[in-house]
Amino acid sequence: MLDSITIRRMPFSFEEEIDPVVVDGDLEQSFAIVAGSLLLPHLEPYLIRSMKAAESAIDDPDLLEDLKRFSAQEGQHYKMHMKWNATIRRAGFPGLEEMEAELARDYERFSRNKSLRFNLAYAEGFEAFTMSAVKLLMEPDGFGEDLSPFMQMVEWHFVEELEHRHVAFDVYEHVCGGYFYRLFVGIYAQWHFTRWIRRVAKYMLKAHTDRTPKGTPGDVVNGATFAMPRVRDVLPRLLRIYLPGYTPHRVEVSAGMERLAEKYTAMAVKQS
């Protein structure tokens, strides 16, 4: 079981210009993936702010260390996604700027106006959804060999989501607690960020279709052959996180994920 939270600074680099069709032959899935990447530099700093706000209420040194490692991993994630997202913006989707600004305002408003309990429950709703999606996509052995830098980034990110899968839950339970509140805010959180992803993907699909002549073949630079899960695919796995006795500490992770964690630890830039 992945039971340690390792901080890895990864050496991934990306082409200056890429094709945004990242799943070969599937525009809808491609733009859903892109939208998910665009989400993260807004959502993950919000998660870090929420965890930072909880620090003074935590008297368990082990949990405090987990919180700090969670935040460090999330910081590495969104910074790497920012690098890749810059290539998407150069691909010509002018409507993304306002949609991202709207999302940023949401998370700034949550941090400013919502209670710590709300923000921690939102964080757990996101982490529980992500853990369920990652297990559906990745297990037992990840995405395979000869991955593009983009797909390696996704795989590394997903492995670390499994590593820290329990932290948001533990912080919420330690600081606030309350099953029904966690349930309702978590469901709202999942609706909130998946709704934004769907809107962005729909916009990108229309923009791409409008400017691409019919019959033009796609040149998929970062091509992949897997399908990202839709909400209806993840829902059966999500049902367990809605149960009163749920805890991510009981979620088992395949041995293949352990091997991937070791792989990306070896790839990481050595800290001086």
Protein backbone atom coordinates (compact mmCIF):
# COMPACT_ATOMS: atom_id res chain seq x y z
CA MET A 1 0.00 0.00 0.00
CA LEU A 2 1.21 3.51 -0.79
CA ASP A 3 1.58 4.85 2.74
CA SER A 4 4.25 7.53 2.39
CA ILE A 5 3.99 10.98 0.87
CA THR A 6 7.12 11.68 -1.16
CA ILE A 7 7.93 15.14 -2.52
CA ARG A 8 9.20 14.81 -6.09
CA ARG A 9 10.33 17.64 -8.34
CA MET A 10 9.97 16.27 -11.84
CA PRO A 11 12.04 17.19 -14.92
CA PHE A 12 9.24 17.12 -17.52
CA SER A 13 9.41 19.58 -20.41
CA PHE A 14 6.96 20.17 -23.22
CA GLU A 15 7.02 21.31 -26.81
CA GLU A 16 6.34 24.99 -27.47
CA GLU A 17 3.40 24.05 -29.68
CA ILE A 18 1.24 20.97 -29.38
CA ASP A 19 -1.97 19.58 -30.76
CA PRO A 20 -4.66 19.82 -28.04
CA VAL A 21 -6.14 16.52 -29.25
CA VAL A 22 -4.36 14.41 -26.63
CA VAL A 23 -6.48 11.25 -26.99
CA ASP A 24 -6.05 9.89 -30.47
CA GLY A 25 -9.30 10.14 -32.41
CA ASP A 26 -11.45 11.42 -29.53
CA LEU A 27 -12.01 15.17 -29.36
CA GLU A 28 -14.45 15.05 -26.46
CA GLN A 29 -12.13 13.05 -24.22
CA SER A 30 -9.14 15.14 -25.29
CA PHE A 31 -10.75 18.40 -24.30
CA ALA A 32 -12.05 16.94 -21.03
CA ILE A 33 -8.43 16.09 -20.15
CA VAL A 34 -7.25 19.55 -21.18
CA ALA A 35 -10.01 21.16 -19.10
CA GLY A 36 -9.00 19.07 -16.11
CA SER A 37 -5.42 20.31 -16.46
CA LEU A 38 -6.61 23.91 -16.77
CA LEU A 39 -8.62 23.47 -13.56
CA LEU A 40 -5.68 22.50 -11.40
CA PRO A 41 -3.66 25.76 -11.18
CA HIS A 42 -6.80 27.32 -9.68
CA LEU A 43 -8.10 24.46 -7.55
CA GLU A 44 -4.86 23.16 -6.07
CA PRO A 45 -3.71 26.52 -4.66
CA TYR A 46 -7.17 26.72 -3.05
CA LEU A 47 -6.58 23.31 -1.48
CA ILE A 48 -3.20 24.49 -0.19
CA ARG A 49 -4.75 27.67 1.27
CA SER A 50 -7.41 25.59 2.99
CA MET A 51 -4.83 23.25 4.50
CA LYS A 52 -2.70 26.20 5.62
CA ALA A 53 -5.72 27.70 7.37
CA ALA A 54 -6.22 24.43 9.28
CA GLU A 55 -2.66 24.18 10.60
CA SER A 56 -3.28 26.09 13.85
CA ALA A 57 -6.17 23.75 14.73
CA ILE A 58 -4.07 20.56 14.43
CA ASP A 59 -2.30 19.21 17.51
CA ASP A 60 -1.23 15.89 16.00
CA PRO A 61 2.37 16.21 14.76
CA ASP A 62 2.03 13.28 12.33
CA LEU A 63 -1.08 14.78 10.74
CA LEU A 64 0.61 18.17 10.56
CA GLU A 65 3.52 16.59 8.70
CA ASP A 66 1.11 14.85 6.32
CA LEU A 67 -0.64 18.17 5.70
CA LYS A 68 2.64 19.87 4.81
CA ARG A 69 3.63 17.05 2.47
CA PHE A 70 0.18 17.09 0.86
CA SER A 71 0.57 20.82 0.19
CA ALA A 72 4.09 20.34 -1.18
CA GLN A 73 2.92 17.65 -3.59
CA GLU A 74 -0.04 19.75 -4.74
CA GLY A 75 2.29 22.70 -5.26
CA GLN A 76 4.47 20.64 -7.57
CA HIS A 77 1.39 19.41 -9.44
CA TYR A 78 -0.14 22.75 -10.30
CA LYS A 79 3.18 24.30 -11.27
CA MET A 80 3.85 21.47 -13.73
CA HIS A 81 0.33 21.72 -15.13
CA MET A 82 0.85 25.48 -15.59
CA LYS A 83 3.83 24.71 -17.84
CA TRP A 84 1.78 22.35 -19.97
CA ASN A 85 -1.29 24.60 -19.96
CA ALA A 86 0.77 27.39 -21.49
CA THR A 87 1.13 25.25 -24.62
CA ILE A 88 -2.65 24.86 -24.80
CA ARG A 89 -3.19 28.62 -24.68
CA ARG A 90 -0.82 29.02 -27.61
CA ALA A 91 -3.04 26.58 -29.55
CA GLY A 92 -5.64 29.34 -29.87
CA PHE A 93 -8.65 29.18 -27.55
CA PRO A 94 -9.29 32.83 -26.58
CA GLY A 95 -12.40 32.04 -24.53
CA LEU A 96 -10.36 30.13 -21.96
CA GLU A 97 -9.09 33.30 -20.31
CA GLU A 98 -12.49 34.43 -19.04
CA MET A 99 -13.55 30.92 -18.04
CA GLU A 100 -10.39 30.51 -15.97
CA ALA A 101 -10.86 33.96 -14.44
CA GLU A 102 -14.38 32.98 -13.38
CA LEU A 103 -13.07 29.82 -11.74
CA ALA A 104 -10.31 31.74 -9.97
CA ARG A 105 -12.92 34.13 -8.56
CA ASP A 106 -14.92 31.19 -7.23
CA TYR A 107 -11.98 29.77 -5.30
CA GLU A 108 -10.89 33.18 -4.03
CA ARG A 109 -14.47 33.75 -2.81
CA PHE A 110 -14.55 30.37 -1.09
CA SER A 111 -11.30 31.13 0.73
CA ARG A 112 -12.48 34.60 1.70
CA ASN A 113 -16.14 34.04 2.60
CA LYS A 114 -16.69 30.37 3.34
CA SER A 115 -15.96 28.66 6.64
CA LEU A 116 -12.88 26.53 7.22
CA ARG A 117 -15.23 23.58 7.58
CA PHE A 118 -16.68 24.21 4.12
CA ASN A 119 -13.26 24.54 2.52
CA LEU A 120 -11.93 21.37 4.14
CA ALA A 121 -15.07 19.44 3.14
CA TYR A 122 -14.68 20.73 -0.43
CA ALA A 123 -11.06 19.59 -0.42
CA GLU A 124 -12.09 16.11 0.72
CA GLY A 125 -14.83 15.98 -1.93
CA PHE A 126 -12.25 16.68 -4.62
CA GLU A 127 -9.68 14.25 -3.22
CA ALA A 128 -12.22 11.44 -2.86
CA PHE A 129 -13.44 11.93 -6.44
CA THR A 130 -9.88 12.05 -7.75
CA MET A 131 -8.84 8.93 -5.86
CA SER A 132 -11.81 7.02 -7.29
CA ALA A 133 -11.10 8.22 -10.84
CA VAL A 134 -7.38 7.45 -10.56
CA LYS A 135 -8.02 3.90 -9.38
CA LEU A 136 -10.45 3.38 -12.26
CA LEU A 137 -7.93 4.68 -14.80
CA MET A 138 -4.59 3.54 -13.48
CA GLU A 139 -4.86 0.22 -11.76
CA PRO A 140 -3.34 -2.25 -11.86
CA ASP A 141 -0.22 -1.05 -13.71
CA GLY A 142 -0.60 2.50 -14.98
CA PHE A 143 -0.77 3.71 -18.58
CA GLY A 144 1.92 1.51 -20.11
CA GLU A 145 5.34 2.10 -21.64
CA ASP A 146 6.79 4.74 -24.00
CA LEU A 147 4.57 7.54 -22.70
CA SER A 148 4.81 11.10 -23.93
CA PRO A 149 6.00 13.73 -21.41
CA PHE A 150 2.39 14.80 -21.02
CA MET A 151 1.20 11.30 -20.17
CA GLN A 152 4.14 10.80 -17.81
CA MET A 153 3.10 14.00 -16.05
CA VAL A 154 -0.44 12.67 -15.67
CA GLU A 155 0.77 9.30 -14.40
CA TRP A 156 3.15 10.88 -11.87
CA HIS A 157 0.42 13.23 -10.67
CA PHE A 158 -2.06 10.38 -10.29
CA VAL A 159 0.37 8.24 -8.30
CA GLU A 160 0.85 11.09 -5.85
CA GLU A 161 -2.92 11.55 -5.56
CA LEU A 162 -3.04 7.98 -4.29
CA GLU A 163 -0.14 8.63 -1.91
CA HIS A 164 -1.91 11.49 -0.17
CA ARG A 165 -5.46 10.19 -0.57
CA HIS A 166 -6.15 10.19 3.19
CA VAL A 167 -4.86 13.64 4.15
CA ALA A 168 -7.84 15.87 3.33
CA PHE A 169 -10.15 13.35 5.01
CA ASP A 170 -7.98 13.19 8.15
CA VAL A 171 -7.67 16.97 8.40
CA TYR A 172 -11.43 17.45 8.03
CA GLU A 173 -12.18 14.80 10.67
CA HIS A 174 -9.56 16.18 13.08
CA VAL A 175 -10.50 19.86 12.77
CA CYS A 176 -14.25 19.78 12.13
CA GLY A 177 -15.86 16.42 11.55
CA GLY A 178 -19.44 15.65 10.69
CA TYR A 179 -20.60 13.04 8.22
CA PHE A 180 -23.62 14.79 6.72
CA TYR A 181 -21.82 18.10 6.23
CA ARG A 182 -18.90 16.34 4.53
CA LEU A 183 -21.35 14.45 2.34
CA PHE A 184 -23.33 17.48 1.17
CA VAL A 185 -20.36 19.79 0.61
CA GLY A 186 -18.40 17.00 -1.07
CA ILE A 187 -21.22 16.38 -3.53
CA TYR A 188 -21.44 20.12 -4.19
CA ALA A 189 -17.67 20.24 -4.78
CA GLN A 190 -17.84 17.40 -7.28
CA TRP A 191 -20.69 19.11 -9.10
CA HIS A 192 -18.83 22.45 -9.08
CA PHE A 193 -15.53 21.37 -10.60
CA THR A 194 -16.93 18.75 -13.00
CA ARG A 195 -19.46 21.29 -14.28
CA TRP A 196 -16.59 23.69 -15.07
CA ILE A 197 -14.64 20.93 -16.82
CA ARG A 198 -17.68 20.08 -18.95
CA ARG A 199 -18.21 23.74 -19.90
CA VAL A 200 -14.59 24.20 -20.93
CA ALA A 201 -14.52 20.95 -22.89
CA LYS A 202 -17.72 21.93 -24.71
CA TYR A 203 -16.28 25.34 -25.60
CA MET A 204 -13.01 23.84 -26.85
CA LEU A 205 -14.84 21.25 -28.94
CA LYS A 206 -16.89 23.96 -30.65
CA ALA A 207 -13.90 26.26 -31.17
CA HIS A 208 -11.81 23.43 -32.61
CA THR A 209 -14.60 22.21 -34.88
CA ASP A 210 -15.41 25.71 -36.15
CA ARG A 211 -11.85 26.38 -37.28
CA THR A 212 -10.92 22.90 -38.61
CA PRO A 213 -11.87 22.17 -42.23
CA LYS A 214 -13.81 18.97 -42.66
CA GLY A 215 -11.61 16.05 -43.56
CA THR A 216 -8.46 17.57 -42.06
CA PRO A 217 -6.42 14.81 -40.40
CA GLY A 218 -5.31 15.41 -36.85
CA ASP A 219 -1.64 15.37 -35.87
CA VAL A 220 -1.73 14.11 -32.30
CA VAL A 221 1.61 14.96 -30.74
CA ASN A 222 0.76 13.79 -27.22
CA GLY A 223 -1.54 10.99 -28.30
CA ALA A 224 -2.98 8.50 -25.85
CA THR A 225 -5.34 5.61 -26.31
CA PHE A 226 -7.16 5.47 -22.97
CA ALA A 227 -10.52 7.04 -22.12
CA MET A 228 -10.90 9.43 -19.21
CA PRO A 229 -13.79 8.43 -16.94
CA ARG A 230 -17.03 10.33 -17.07
CA VAL A 231 -18.99 11.02 -13.89
CA ARG A 232 -21.32 8.12 -14.63
CA ASP A 233 -18.29 5.80 -14.86
CA VAL A 234 -16.87 6.95 -11.53
CA LEU A 235 -20.23 7.03 -9.72
CA PRO A 236 -20.30 3.37 -8.60
CA ARG A 237 -16.88 3.85 -7.01
CA LEU A 238 -17.97 7.15 -5.49
CA LEU A 239 -20.88 5.52 -3.71
CA ARG A 240 -18.51 4.03 -1.15
CA ILE A 241 -17.17 7.45 -0.17
CA TYR A 242 -20.72 8.54 0.62
CA LEU A 243 -21.18 5.78 3.21
CA PRO A 244 -20.98 6.74 6.90
CA GLY A 245 -18.16 4.29 7.62
CA TYR A 246 -15.94 5.37 4.72
CA THR A 247 -12.27 6.08 5.31
CA PRO A 248 -9.56 6.29 2.63
CA HIS A 249 -7.25 4.38 4.98
CA ARG A 250 -9.13 1.21 4.01
CA VAL A 251 -8.74 1.78 0.27
CA GLU A 252 -6.31 -0.73 -1.18
CA VAL A 253 -3.86 0.23 -3.91
CA SER A 254 -2.34 -2.21 -6.39
CA ALA A 255 1.29 -3.32 -6.30
CA GLY A 256 1.69 -1.73 -9.73
CA MET A 257 1.13 1.69 -8.19
CA GLU A 258 3.95 1.00 -5.74
CA ARG A 259 6.26 0.25 -8.67
CA LEU A 260 5.23 3.47 -10.41
CA ALA A 261 5.91 5.45 -7.26
CA GLU A 262 9.43 4.03 -7.20
CA LYS A 263 9.84 4.82 -10.90
CA TYR A 264 8.96 8.49 -10.46
CA THR A 265 11.04 8.79 -7.31
CA ALA A 266 14.03 7.65 -9.40
CA MET A 267 13.15 10.12 -12.16
CA ALA A 268 12.77 13.10 -9.83
CA VAL A 269 15.32 15.90 -9.74
CA LYS A 270 17.62 15.35 -6.77
CA GLN A 271 17.17 17.93 -4.03
CA SER A 272 20.30 19.81 -3.02
